[in-house]
């Protein structure tokens, strides 16, 4: 059995790519922004906020959860969603590192 393309990259590179892919849809970006504004909510709250049907919102939530950008806790017969801070910290650290390298090499740009 051959190696998959992701096997040639580090765990961090694969994790960042997964997050970037999850954020590659404007509805998911809007969900993240809404969750940062309200801190936590259920799917129905997001449905009321966005111009999307409930099944579509659920699918986007699933993608965000798979990328570990959000987490969900069961509360009664609903799931309460919130931002997964550890993943956001990882992304912040990654981009902060890139910005620091760019600042160090500012005069060496082509």
PDB file of N, CA and C in Angstrom:
ATOM      1  N   UNK A   1       0.845  -1.164   0.000  1.00  0.00           N
ATOM      2  CA  UNK A   1       0.000   0.000   0.000  1.00  0.00           C
ATOM      3  C   UNK A   1       0.902   1.242   0.000  1.00  0.00           C
ATOM      4  N   UNK A   2       0.627   2.199  -0.870  1.00  0.00           N
ATOM      5  CA  UNK A   2       1.431   3.411  -0.988  1.00  0.00           C
ATOM      6  C   UNK A   2       1.111   4.418   0.095  1.00  0.00           C
ATOM      7  N   UNK A   3       2.041   5.304   0.289  1.00  0.00           N
ATOM      8  CA  UNK A   3       1.860   6.367   1.282  1.00  0.00           C
ATOM      9  C   UNK A   3       0.927   7.442   0.719  1.00  0.00           C
ATOM     10  N   UNK A   4       0.119   8.011   1.583  1.00  0.00           N
ATOM     11  CA  UNK A   4      -0.739   9.110   1.146  1.00  0.00           C
ATOM     12  C   UNK A   4       0.096  10.377   1.074  1.00  0.00           C
ATOM     13  N   UNK A   5      -0.391  11.358   0.361  1.00  0.00           N
ATOM     14  CA  UNK A   5       0.351  12.606   0.208  1.00  0.00           C
ATOM     15  C   UNK A   5       0.601  13.288   1.543  1.00  0.00           C
ATOM     16  N   UNK A   6      -0.315  13.143   2.488  1.00  0.00           N
ATOM     17  CA  UNK A   6      -0.140  13.800   3.783  1.00  0.00           C
ATOM     18  C   UNK A   6       0.957  13.152   4.618  1.00  0.00           C
ATOM     19  N   UNK A   7       1.340  11.930   4.308  1.00  0.00           N
ATOM     20  CA  UNK A   7       2.405  11.248   5.056  1.00  0.00           C
ATOM     21  C   UNK A   7       3.757  11.924   4.883  1.00  0.00           C
ATOM     22  N   UNK A   8       3.912  12.729   3.850  1.00  0.00           N
ATOM     23  CA  UNK A   8       5.189  13.375   3.563  1.00  0.00           C
ATOM     24  C   UNK A   8       5.365  14.691   4.326  1.00  0.00           C
ATOM     25  N   UNK A   9       4.385  15.055   5.156  1.00  0.00           N
ATOM     26  CA  UNK A   9       4.425  16.331   5.863  1.00  0.00           C
ATOM     27  C   UNK A   9       4.314  16.103   7.359  1.00  0.00           C
ATOM     28  N   UNK A  10       4.714  17.107   8.140  1.00  0.00           N
ATOM     29  CA  UNK A  10       4.695  16.971   9.595  1.00  0.00           C
ATOM     30  C   UNK A  10       3.254  16.999  10.113  1.00  0.00           C
ATOM     31  N   UNK A  11       3.099  16.553  11.339  1.00  0.00           N
ATOM     32  CA  UNK A  11       1.777  16.606  11.974  1.00  0.00           C
ATOM     33  C   UNK A  11       1.270  18.043  12.046  1.00  0.00           C
ATOM     34  N   UNK A  12       2.174  18.982  12.363  1.00  0.00           N
ATOM     35  CA  UNK A  12       1.774  20.391  12.444  1.00  0.00           C
ATOM     36  C   UNK A  12       1.313  20.904  11.079  1.00  0.00           C
ATOM     37  N   UNK A  13       2.040  20.567  10.031  1.00  0.00           N
ATOM     38  CA  UNK A  13       1.655  21.009   8.689  1.00  0.00           C
ATOM     39  C   UNK A  13       0.291  20.440   8.304  1.00  0.00           C
ATOM     40  N   UNK A  14       0.057  19.187   8.612  1.00  0.00           N
ATOM     41  CA  UNK A  14      -1.241  18.576   8.310  1.00  0.00           C
ATOM     42  C   UNK A  14      -2.361  19.202   9.133  1.00  0.00           C
ATOM     43  N   UNK A  15      -2.087  19.513  10.398  1.00  0.00           N
ATOM     44  CA  UNK A  15      -3.105  20.128  11.259  1.00  0.00           C
ATOM     45  C   UNK A  15      -3.464  21.521  10.761  1.00  0.00           C
ATOM     46  N   UNK A  16      -2.464  22.323  10.405  1.00  0.00           N
ATOM     47  CA  UNK A  16      -2.713  23.668   9.893  1.00  0.00           C
ATOM     48  C   UNK A  16      -3.496  23.589   8.587  1.00  0.00           C
ATOM     49  N   UNK A  17      -3.156  22.651   7.727  1.00  0.00           N
ATOM     50  CA  UNK A  17      -3.872  22.495   6.455  1.00  0.00           C
ATOM     51  C   UNK A  17      -5.331  22.097   6.681  1.00  0.00           C
ATOM     52  N   UNK A  18      -5.580  21.253   7.661  1.00  0.00           N
ATOM     53  CA  UNK A  18      -6.950  20.849   7.989  1.00  0.00           C
ATOM     54  C   UNK A  18      -7.767  22.043   8.465  1.00  0.00           C
ATOM     55  N   UNK A  19      -7.162  22.864   9.312  1.00  0.00           N
ATOM     56  CA  UNK A  19      -7.840  24.060   9.809  1.00  0.00           C
ATOM     57  C   UNK A  19      -8.098  25.033   8.664  1.00  0.00           C
ATOM     58  N   UNK A  20      -7.085  25.235   7.814  1.00  0.00           N
ATOM     59  CA  UNK A  20      -7.237  26.155   6.686  1.00  0.00           C
ATOM     60  C   UNK A  20      -8.348  25.695   5.747  1.00  0.00           C
ATOM     61  N   UNK A  21      -8.419  24.405   5.514  1.00  0.00           N
ATOM     62  CA  UNK A  21      -9.478  23.866   4.659  1.00  0.00           C
ATOM     63  C   UNK A  21     -10.849  24.096   5.288  1.00  0.00           C
ATOM     64  N   UNK A  22     -10.945  23.892   6.593  1.00  0.00           N
ATOM     65  CA  UNK A  22     -12.223  24.100   7.286  1.00  0.00           C
ATOM     66  C   UNK A  22     -12.643  25.560   7.226  1.00  0.00           C
ATOM     67  N   UNK A  23     -11.681  26.472   7.253  1.00  0.00           N
ATOM     68  CA  UNK A  23     -11.988  27.901   7.195  1.00  0.00           C
ATOM     69  C   UNK A  23     -12.151  28.400   5.758  1.00  0.00           C
ATOM     70  N   UNK A  24     -12.079  27.482   4.804  1.00  0.00           N
ATOM     71  CA  UNK A  24     -12.162  27.840   3.392  1.00  0.00           C
ATOM     72  C   UNK A  24     -13.573  28.093   2.882  1.00  0.00           C
ATOM     73  N   UNK A  25     -14.544  28.164   3.755  1.00  0.00           N
ATOM     74  CA  UNK A  25     -15.923  28.459   3.357  1.00  0.00           C
ATOM     75  C   UNK A  25     -16.416  29.638   4.188  1.00  0.00           C
ATOM     76  N   UNK A  26     -17.009  30.651   3.556  1.00  0.00           N
ATOM     77  CA  UNK A  26     -17.442  31.832   4.303  1.00  0.00           C
ATOM     78  C   UNK A  26     -18.477  31.544   5.384  1.00  0.00           C
ATOM     79  N   UNK A  27     -19.292  30.524   5.215  1.00  0.00           N
ATOM     80  CA  UNK A  27     -20.271  30.180   6.250  1.00  0.00           C
ATOM     81  C   UNK A  27     -19.563  29.716   7.517  1.00  0.00           C
ATOM     82  N   UNK A  28     -18.481  28.988   7.362  1.00  0.00           N
ATOM     83  CA  UNK A  28     -17.733  28.513   8.535  1.00  0.00           C
ATOM     84  C   UNK A  28     -17.015  29.656   9.230  1.00  0.00           C
ATOM     85  N   UNK A  29     -16.514  30.597   8.437  1.00  0.00           N
ATOM     86  CA  UNK A  29     -15.898  31.792   9.024  1.00  0.00           C
ATOM     87  C   UNK A  29     -16.962  32.566   9.813  1.00  0.00           C
ATOM     88  N   UNK A  30     -18.150  32.676   9.244  1.00  0.00           N
ATOM     89  CA  UNK A  30     -19.247  33.381   9.931  1.00  0.00           C
ATOM     90  C   UNK A  30     -19.629  32.665  11.223  1.00  0.00           C
ATOM     91  N   UNK A  31     -19.622  31.346  11.205  1.00  0.00           N
ATOM     92  CA  UNK A  31     -19.940  30.575  12.424  1.00  0.00           C
ATOM     93  C   UNK A  31     -18.894  30.838  13.494  1.00  0.00           C
ATOM     94  N   UNK A  32     -17.624  30.822  13.118  1.00  0.00           N
ATOM     95  CA  UNK A  32     -16.544  31.103  14.076  1.00  0.00           C
ATOM     96  C   UNK A  32     -16.709  32.508  14.646  1.00  0.00           C
ATOM     97  N   UNK A  33     -16.974  33.472  13.785  1.00  0.00           N
ATOM     98  CA  UNK A  33     -17.164  34.855  14.255  1.00  0.00           C
ATOM     99  C   UNK A  33     -18.352  34.953  15.207  1.00  0.00           C
ATOM    100  N   UNK A  34     -19.435  34.262  14.881  1.00  0.00           N
ATOM    101  CA  UNK A  34     -20.611  34.290  15.751  1.00  0.00           C
ATOM    102  C   UNK A  34     -20.303  33.655  17.106  1.00  0.00           C
ATOM    103  N   UNK A  35     -19.597  32.532  17.096  1.00  0.00           N
ATOM    104  CA  UNK A  35     -19.257  31.863  18.349  1.00  0.00           C
ATOM    105  C   UNK A  35     -18.325  32.719  19.215  1.00  0.00           C
ATOM    106  N   UNK A  36     -17.447  33.482  18.593  1.00  0.00           N
ATOM    107  CA  UNK A  36     -16.585  34.356  19.392  1.00  0.00           C
ATOM    108  C   UNK A  36     -17.396  35.503  19.999  1.00  0.00           C
ATOM    109  N   UNK A  37     -18.474  35.878  19.325  1.00  0.00           N
ATOM    110  CA  UNK A  37     -19.319  36.972  19.822  1.00  0.00           C
ATOM    111  C   UNK A  37     -20.207  36.517  20.976  1.00  0.00           C
ATOM    112  N   UNK A  38     -20.772  35.308  20.861  1.00  0.00           N
ATOM    113  CA  UNK A  38     -21.727  34.836  21.876  1.00  0.00           C
ATOM    114  C   UNK A  38     -21.104  33.867  22.881  1.00  0.00           C
ATOM    115  N   UNK A  39     -19.885  33.416  22.614  1.00  0.00           N
ATOM    116  CA  UNK A  39     -19.138  32.505  23.470  1.00  0.00           C
ATOM    117  C   UNK A  39     -19.588  31.050  23.326  1.00  0.00           C
ATOM    118  N   UNK A  40     -20.885  30.776  23.372  1.00  0.00           N
ATOM    119  CA  UNK A  40     -21.393  29.408  23.214  1.00  0.00           C
ATOM    120  C   UNK A  40     -22.852  29.471  22.792  1.00  0.00           C
ATOM    121  N   UNK A  41     -23.263  28.495  21.990  1.00  0.00           N
ATOM    122  CA  UNK A  41     -24.667  28.464  21.566  1.00  0.00           C
ATOM    123  C   UNK A  41     -24.998  27.095  20.974  1.00  0.00           C
ATOM    124  N   UNK A  42     -26.273  26.888  20.695  1.00  0.00           N
ATOM    125  CA  UNK A  42     -26.725  25.655  20.060  1.00  0.00           C
ATOM    126  C   UNK A  42     -26.908  25.916  18.562  1.00  0.00           C
ATOM    127  N   UNK A  43     -27.069  24.861  17.807  1.00  0.00           N
ATOM    128  CA  UNK A  43     -27.196  24.949  16.352  1.00  0.00           C
ATOM    129  C   UNK A  43     -28.336  25.881  15.941  1.00  0.00           C
ATOM    130  N   UNK A  44     -29.462  25.811  16.631  1.00  0.00           N
ATOM    131  CA  UNK A  44     -30.609  26.652  16.290  1.00  0.00           C
ATOM    132  C   UNK A  44     -30.303  28.132  16.362  1.00  0.00           C
ATOM    133  N   UNK A  45     -29.453  28.531  17.298  1.00  0.00           N
ATOM    134  CA  UNK A  45     -29.051  29.934  17.401  1.00  0.00           C
ATOM    135  C   UNK A  45     -28.289  30.363  16.147  1.00  0.00           C
ATOM    136  N   UNK A  46     -27.417  29.490  15.655  1.00  0.00           N
ATOM    137  CA  UNK A  46     -26.631  29.787  14.454  1.00  0.00           C
ATOM    138  C   UNK A  46     -27.541  29.838  13.236  1.00  0.00           C
ATOM    139  N   UNK A  47     -28.505  28.921  13.174  1.00  0.00           N
ATOM    140  CA  UNK A  47     -29.471  28.906  12.071  1.00  0.00           C
ATOM    141  C   UNK A  47     -30.224  30.237  12.024  1.00  0.00           C
ATOM    142  N   UNK A  48     -30.577  30.773  13.185  1.00  0.00           N
ATOM    143  CA  UNK A  48     -31.284  32.057  13.248  1.00  0.00           C
ATOM    144  C   UNK A  48     -30.395  33.216  12.816  1.00  0.00           C
ATOM    145  N   UNK A  49     -29.095  33.060  12.931  1.00  0.00           N
ATOM    146  CA  UNK A  49     -28.140  34.119  12.617  1.00  0.00           C
ATOM    147  C   UNK A  49     -27.738  34.127  11.142  1.00  0.00           C
ATOM    148  N   UNK A  50     -27.651  32.960  10.528  1.00  0.00           N
ATOM    149  CA  UNK A  50     -27.157  32.844   9.153  1.00  0.00           C
ATOM    150  C   UNK A  50     -28.288  32.535   8.169  1.00  0.00           C
ATOM    151  N   UNK A  51     -28.111  32.903   6.911  1.00  0.00           N
ATOM    152  CA  UNK A  51     -29.135  32.616   5.900  1.00  0.00           C
ATOM    153  C   UNK A  51     -29.001  31.197   5.326  1.00  0.00           C
ATOM    154  N   UNK A  52     -28.919  30.217   6.232  1.00  0.00           N
ATOM    155  CA  UNK A  52     -28.725  28.824   5.818  1.00  0.00           C
ATOM    156  C   UNK A  52     -29.728  27.929   6.527  1.00  0.00           C
ATOM    157  N   UNK A  53     -30.059  26.828   5.876  1.00  0.00           N
ATOM    158  CA  UNK A  53     -30.965  25.855   6.474  1.00  0.00           C
ATOM    159  C   UNK A  53     -30.248  25.087   7.589  1.00  0.00           C
ATOM    160  N   UNK A  54     -31.037  24.537   8.505  1.00  0.00           N
ATOM    161  CA  UNK A  54     -30.477  23.817   9.648  1.00  0.00           C
ATOM    162  C   UNK A  54     -29.560  22.674   9.226  1.00  0.00           C
ATOM    163  N   UNK A  55     -29.927  21.844   8.231  1.00  0.00           N
ATOM    164  CA  UNK A  55     -29.006  20.763   7.852  1.00  0.00           C
ATOM    165  C   UNK A  55     -27.671  21.283   7.312  1.00  0.00           C
ATOM    166  N   UNK A  56     -27.698  22.409   6.634  1.00  0.00           N
ATOM    167  CA  UNK A  56     -26.466  22.999   6.102  1.00  0.00           C
ATOM    168  C   UNK A  56     -25.591  23.501   7.242  1.00  0.00           C
ATOM    169  N   UNK A  57     -26.189  24.168   8.211  1.00  0.00           N
ATOM    170  CA  UNK A  57     -25.438  24.642   9.376  1.00  0.00           C
ATOM    171  C   UNK A  57     -24.837  23.451  10.123  1.00  0.00           C
ATOM    172  N   UNK A  58     -25.617  22.397  10.279  1.00  0.00           N
ATOM    173  CA  UNK A  58     -25.111  21.196  10.967  1.00  0.00           C
ATOM    174  C   UNK A  58     -23.904  20.612  10.246  1.00  0.00           C
ATOM    175  N   UNK A  59     -23.944  20.607   8.922  1.00  0.00           N
ATOM    176  CA  UNK A  59     -22.824  20.084   8.140  1.00  0.00           C
ATOM    177  C   UNK A  59     -21.579  20.955   8.338  1.00  0.00           C
ATOM    178  N   UNK A  60     -21.762  22.266   8.350  1.00  0.00           N
ATOM    179  CA  UNK A  60     -20.629  23.167   8.578  1.00  0.00           C
ATOM    180  C   UNK A  60     -20.079  22.996   9.997  1.00  0.00           C
ATOM    181  N   UNK A  61     -20.953  22.832  10.972  1.00  0.00           N
ATOM    182  CA  UNK A  61     -20.504  22.584  12.340  1.00  0.00           C
ATOM    183  C   UNK A  61     -19.695  21.296  12.421  1.00  0.00           C
ATOM    184  N   UNK A  62     -20.126  20.286  11.695  1.00  0.00           N
ATOM    185  CA  UNK A  62     -19.410  19.010  11.674  1.00  0.00           C
ATOM    186  C   UNK A  62     -17.993  19.206  11.129  1.00  0.00           C
ATOM    187  N   UNK A  63     -17.863  19.974  10.051  1.00  0.00           N
ATOM    188  CA  UNK A  63     -16.541  20.230   9.468  1.00  0.00           C
ATOM    189  C   UNK A  63     -15.644  21.003  10.434  1.00  0.00           C
ATOM    190  N   UNK A  64     -16.212  21.996  11.100  1.00  0.00           N
ATOM    191  CA  UNK A  64     -15.437  22.771  12.077  1.00  0.00           C
ATOM    192  C   UNK A  64     -15.029  21.913  13.268  1.00  0.00           C
ATOM    193  N   UNK A  65     -15.907  21.023  13.662  1.00  0.00           N
ATOM    194  CA  UNK A  65     -15.602  20.128  14.785  1.00  0.00           C
ATOM    195  C   UNK A  65     -14.527  19.115  14.382  1.00  0.00           C
ATOM    196  N   UNK A  66     -14.614  18.584  13.161  1.00  0.00           N
ATOM    197  CA  UNK A  66     -13.599  17.642  12.678  1.00  0.00           C
ATOM    198  C   UNK A  66     -12.216  18.288  12.606  1.00  0.00           C
ATOM    199  N   UNK A  67     -12.190  19.591  12.305  1.00  0.00           N
ATOM    200  CA  UNK A  67     -10.923  20.321  12.249  1.00  0.00           C
ATOM    201  C   UNK A  67     -10.481  20.784  13.639  1.00  0.00           C
ATOM    202  N   UNK A  68     -11.282  20.470  14.640  1.00  0.00           N
ATOM    203  CA  UNK A  68     -11.009  20.827  16.040  1.00  0.00           C
ATOM    204  C   UNK A  68     -10.979  22.337  16.276  1.00  0.00           C
ATOM    205  N   UNK A  69     -11.733  23.069  15.462  1.00  0.00           N
ATOM    206  CA  UNK A  69     -11.867  24.506  15.675  1.00  0.00           C
ATOM    207  C   UNK A  69     -12.955  24.821  16.690  1.00  0.00           C
ATOM    208  N   UNK A  70     -13.919  23.913  16.806  1.00  0.00           N
ATOM    209  CA  UNK A  70     -14.986  24.069  17.796  1.00  0.00           C
ATOM    210  C   UNK A  70     -15.144  22.757  18.543  1.00  0.00           C
ATOM    211  N   UNK A  71     -15.820  22.844  19.675  1.00  0.00           N
ATOM    212  CA  UNK A  71     -16.163  21.636  20.424  1.00  0.00           C
ATOM    213  C   UNK A  71     -17.628  21.742  20.805  1.00  0.00           C
ATOM    214  N   UNK A  72     -18.231  20.618  21.051  1.00  0.00           N
ATOM    215  CA  UNK A  72     -19.633  20.597  21.409  1.00  0.00           C
ATOM    216  C   UNK A  72     -19.873  19.775  22.652  1.00  0.00           C
ATOM    217  N   UNK A  73     -20.650  20.331  23.557  1.00  0.00           N
ATOM    218  CA  UNK A  73     -21.018  19.641  24.791  1.00  0.00           C
ATOM    219  C   UNK A  73     -22.519  19.392  24.784  1.00  0.00           C
ATOM    220  N   UNK A  74     -22.905  18.175  25.130  1.00  0.00           N
ATOM    221  CA  UNK A  74     -24.319  17.827  25.149  1.00  0.00           C
ATOM    222  C   UNK A  74     -24.976  18.470  26.364  1.00  0.00           C
ATOM    223  N   UNK A  75     -26.037  19.217  26.086  1.00  0.00           N
ATOM    224  CA  UNK A  75     -26.833  19.841  27.137  1.00  0.00           C
ATOM    225  C   UNK A  75     -28.284  19.468  26.887  1.00  0.00           C
ATOM    226  N   UNK A  76     -28.771  18.503  27.634  1.00  0.00           N
ATOM    227  CA  UNK A  76     -30.132  17.999  27.397  1.00  0.00           C
ATOM    228  C   UNK A  76     -30.188  17.270  26.078  1.00  0.00           C
ATOM    229  N   UNK A  77     -31.088  17.721  25.186  1.00  0.00           N
ATOM    230  CA  UNK A  77     -31.182  17.072  23.872  1.00  0.00           C
ATOM    231  C   UNK A  77     -30.567  17.950  22.785  1.00  0.00           C
ATOM    232  N   UNK A  78     -29.712  18.896  23.152  1.00  0.00           N
ATOM    233  CA  UNK A  78     -29.026  19.767  22.197  1.00  0.00           C
ATOM    234  C   UNK A  78     -27.525  19.747  22.479  1.00  0.00           C
ATOM    235  N   UNK A  79     -26.759  20.203  21.498  1.00  0.00           N
ATOM    236  CA  UNK A  79     -25.314  20.318  21.660  1.00  0.00           C
ATOM    237  C   UNK A  79     -24.968  21.801  21.700  1.00  0.00           C
ATOM    238  N   UNK A  80     -24.242  22.192  22.721  1.00  0.00           N
ATOM    239  CA  UNK A  80     -23.804  23.575  22.877  1.00  0.00           C
ATOM    240  C   UNK A  80     -22.386  23.672  22.300  1.00  0.00           C
ATOM    241  N   UNK A  81     -22.215  24.537  21.306  1.00  0.00           N
ATOM    242  CA  UNK A  81     -20.928  24.678  20.623  1.00  0.00           C
ATOM    243  C   UNK A  81     -20.160  25.885  21.132  1.00  0.00           C
ATOM    244  N   UNK A  82     -18.833  25.757  21.157  1.00  0.00           N
ATOM    245  CA  UNK A  82     -17.958  26.874  21.501  1.00  0.00           C
ATOM    246  C   UNK A  82     -16.614  26.674  20.803  1.00  0.00           C
ATOM    247  N   UNK A  83     -15.797  27.712  20.828  1.00  0.00           N
ATOM    248  CA  UNK A  83     -14.484  27.686  20.178  1.00  0.00           C
ATOM    249  C   UNK A  83     -13.544  26.756  20.952  1.00  0.00           C
ATOM    250  N   UNK A  84     -12.764  25.980  20.207  1.00  0.00           N
ATOM    251  CA  UNK A  84     -11.724  25.132  20.807  1.00  0.00           C
ATOM    252  C   UNK A  84     -10.456  25.979  20.913  1.00  0.00           C
ATOM    253  N   UNK A  85     -10.214  26.514  22.092  1.00  0.00           N
ATOM    254  CA  UNK A  85      -9.129  27.478  22.293  1.00  0.00           C
ATOM    255  C   UNK A  85      -7.748  26.910  21.971  1.00  0.00           C
ATOM    256  N   UNK A  86      -7.526  25.635  22.239  1.00  0.00           N
ATOM    257  CA  UNK A  86      -6.214  25.038  21.992  1.00  0.00           C
ATOM    258  C   UNK A  86      -5.852  25.114  20.509  1.00  0.00           C
ATOM    259  N   UNK A  87      -6.807  24.852  19.643  1.00  0.00           N
ATOM    260  CA  UNK A  87      -6.549  24.909  18.204  1.00  0.00           C
ATOM    261  C   UNK A  87      -6.300  26.341  17.760  1.00  0.00           C
ATOM    262  N   UNK A  88      -7.070  27.282  18.292  1.00  0.00           N
ATOM    263  CA  UNK A  88      -6.877  28.691  17.944  1.00  0.00           C
ATOM    264  C   UNK A  88      -5.490  29.153  18.406  1.00  0.00           C
ATOM    265  N   UNK A  89      -5.062  28.705  19.561  1.00  0.00           N
ATOM    266  CA  UNK A  89      -3.717  29.040  20.048  1.00  0.00           C
ATOM    267  C   UNK A  89      -2.642  28.476  19.125  1.00  0.00           C
ATOM    268  N   UNK A  90      -2.851  27.265  18.620  1.00  0.00           N
ATOM    269  CA  UNK A  90      -1.904  26.649  17.684  1.00  0.00           C
ATOM    270  C   UNK A  90      -1.807  27.463  16.396  1.00  0.00           C
ATOM    271  N   UNK A  91      -2.954  27.893  15.873  1.00  0.00           N
ATOM    272  CA  UNK A  91      -2.971  28.706  14.656  1.00  0.00           C
ATOM    273  C   UNK A  91      -2.276  30.046  14.914  1.00  0.00           C
ATOM    274  N   UNK A  92      -2.579  30.653  16.056  1.00  0.00           N
ATOM    275  CA  UNK A  92      -1.959  31.929  16.410  1.00  0.00           C
ATOM    276  C   UNK A  92      -0.445  31.795  16.477  1.00  0.00           C
ATOM    277  N   UNK A  93       0.017  30.750  17.129  1.00  0.00           N
ATOM    278  CA  UNK A  93       1.456  30.505  17.253  1.00  0.00           C
ATOM    279  C   UNK A  93       2.087  30.310  15.871  1.00  0.00           C
ATOM    280  N   UNK A  94       1.417  29.577  15.003  1.00  0.00           N
ATOM    281  CA  UNK A  94       1.920  29.312  13.663  1.00  0.00           C
ATOM    282  C   UNK A  94       2.085  30.622  12.879  1.00  0.00           C
ATOM    283  N   UNK A  95       1.032  31.444  12.849  1.00  0.00           N
ATOM    284  CA  UNK A  95       1.095  32.679  12.075  1.00  0.00           C
ATOM    285  C   UNK A  95       1.996  33.732  12.735  1.00  0.00           C
ATOM    286  N   UNK A  96       2.082  33.725  14.043  1.00  0.00           N
ATOM    287  CA  UNK A  96       3.006  34.620  14.733  1.00  0.00           C
ATOM    288  C   UNK A  96       4.438  34.274  14.343  1.00  0.00           C
ATOM    289  N   UNK A  97       4.731  32.989  14.231  1.00  0.00           N
ATOM    290  CA  UNK A  97       6.060  32.546  13.797  1.00  0.00           C
ATOM    291  C   UNK A  97       6.371  32.998  12.377  1.00  0.00           C
ATOM    292  N   UNK A  98       5.390  32.911  11.498  1.00  0.00           N
ATOM    293  CA  UNK A  98       5.592  33.369  10.120  1.00  0.00           C
ATOM    294  C   UNK A  98       5.845  34.875  10.094  1.00  0.00           C
ATOM    295  N   UNK A  99       5.027  35.632  10.852  1.00  0.00           N
ATOM    296  CA  UNK A  99       5.203  37.086  10.887  1.00  0.00           C
ATOM    297  C   UNK A  99       6.568  37.472  11.444  1.00  0.00           C
ATOM    298  N   UNK A 100       7.040  36.758  12.447  1.00  0.00           N
ATOM    299  CA  UNK A 100       8.355  37.044  13.024  1.00  0.00           C
ATOM    300  C   UNK A 100       9.450  36.790  11.992  1.00  0.00           C
ATOM    301  N   UNK A 101       9.339  35.698  11.246  1.00  0.00           N
ATOM    302  CA  UNK A 101      10.337  35.398  10.209  1.00  0.00           C
ATOM    303  C   UNK A 101      10.304  36.444   9.106  1.00  0.00           C
ATOM    304  N   UNK A 102       9.111  36.890   8.732  1.00  0.00           N
ATOM    305  CA  UNK A 102       8.995  37.929   7.707  1.00  0.00           C
ATOM    306  C   UNK A 102       9.612  39.242   8.179  1.00  0.00           C
ATOM    307  N   UNK A 103       9.412  39.573   9.441  1.00  0.00           N
ATOM    308  CA  UNK A 103       9.989  40.805   9.984  1.00  0.00           C
ATOM    309  C   UNK A 103      11.514  40.729   9.990  1.00  0.00           C
ATOM    310  N   UNK A 104      12.066  39.542  10.297  1.00  0.00           N
ATOM    311  CA  UNK A 104      13.515  39.366  10.323  1.00  0.00           C
ATOM    312  C   UNK A 104      14.121  39.450   8.931  1.00  0.00           C
ATOM    313  N   UNK A 105      13.370  39.006   7.930  1.00  0.00           N
ATOM    314  CA  UNK A 105      13.889  38.942   6.568  1.00  0.00           C
ATOM    315  C   UNK A 105      13.293  40.010   5.672  1.00  0.00           C
ATOM    316  N   UNK A 106      12.771  41.091   6.258  1.00  0.00           N
ATOM    317  CA  UNK A 106      12.072  42.118   5.505  1.00  0.00           C
ATOM    318  C   UNK A 106      12.932  42.708   4.390  1.00  0.00           C
ATOM    319  N   UNK A 107      14.194  42.891   4.630  1.00  0.00           N
ATOM    320  CA  UNK A 107      15.065  43.509   3.632  1.00  0.00           C
ATOM    321  C   UNK A 107      15.530  42.527   2.571  1.00  0.00           C
ATOM    322  N   UNK A 108      15.236  41.254   2.736  1.00  0.00           N
ATOM    323  CA  UNK A 108      15.703  40.250   1.779  1.00  0.00           C
ATOM    324  C   UNK A 108      14.618  39.833   0.778  1.00  0.00           C
ATOM    325  N   UNK A 109      13.515  40.546   0.749  1.00  0.00           N
ATOM    326  CA  UNK A 109      12.412  40.202  -0.156  1.00  0.00           C
ATOM    327  C   UNK A 109      12.776  40.570  -1.589  1.00  0.00           C
ATOM    328  N   UNK A 110      12.315  39.772  -2.529  1.00  0.00           N
ATOM    329  CA  UNK A 110      12.644  40.044  -3.935  1.00  0.00           C
ATOM    330  C   UNK A 110      11.830  41.182  -4.519  1.00  0.00           C
TER     331      UNK A 110
END
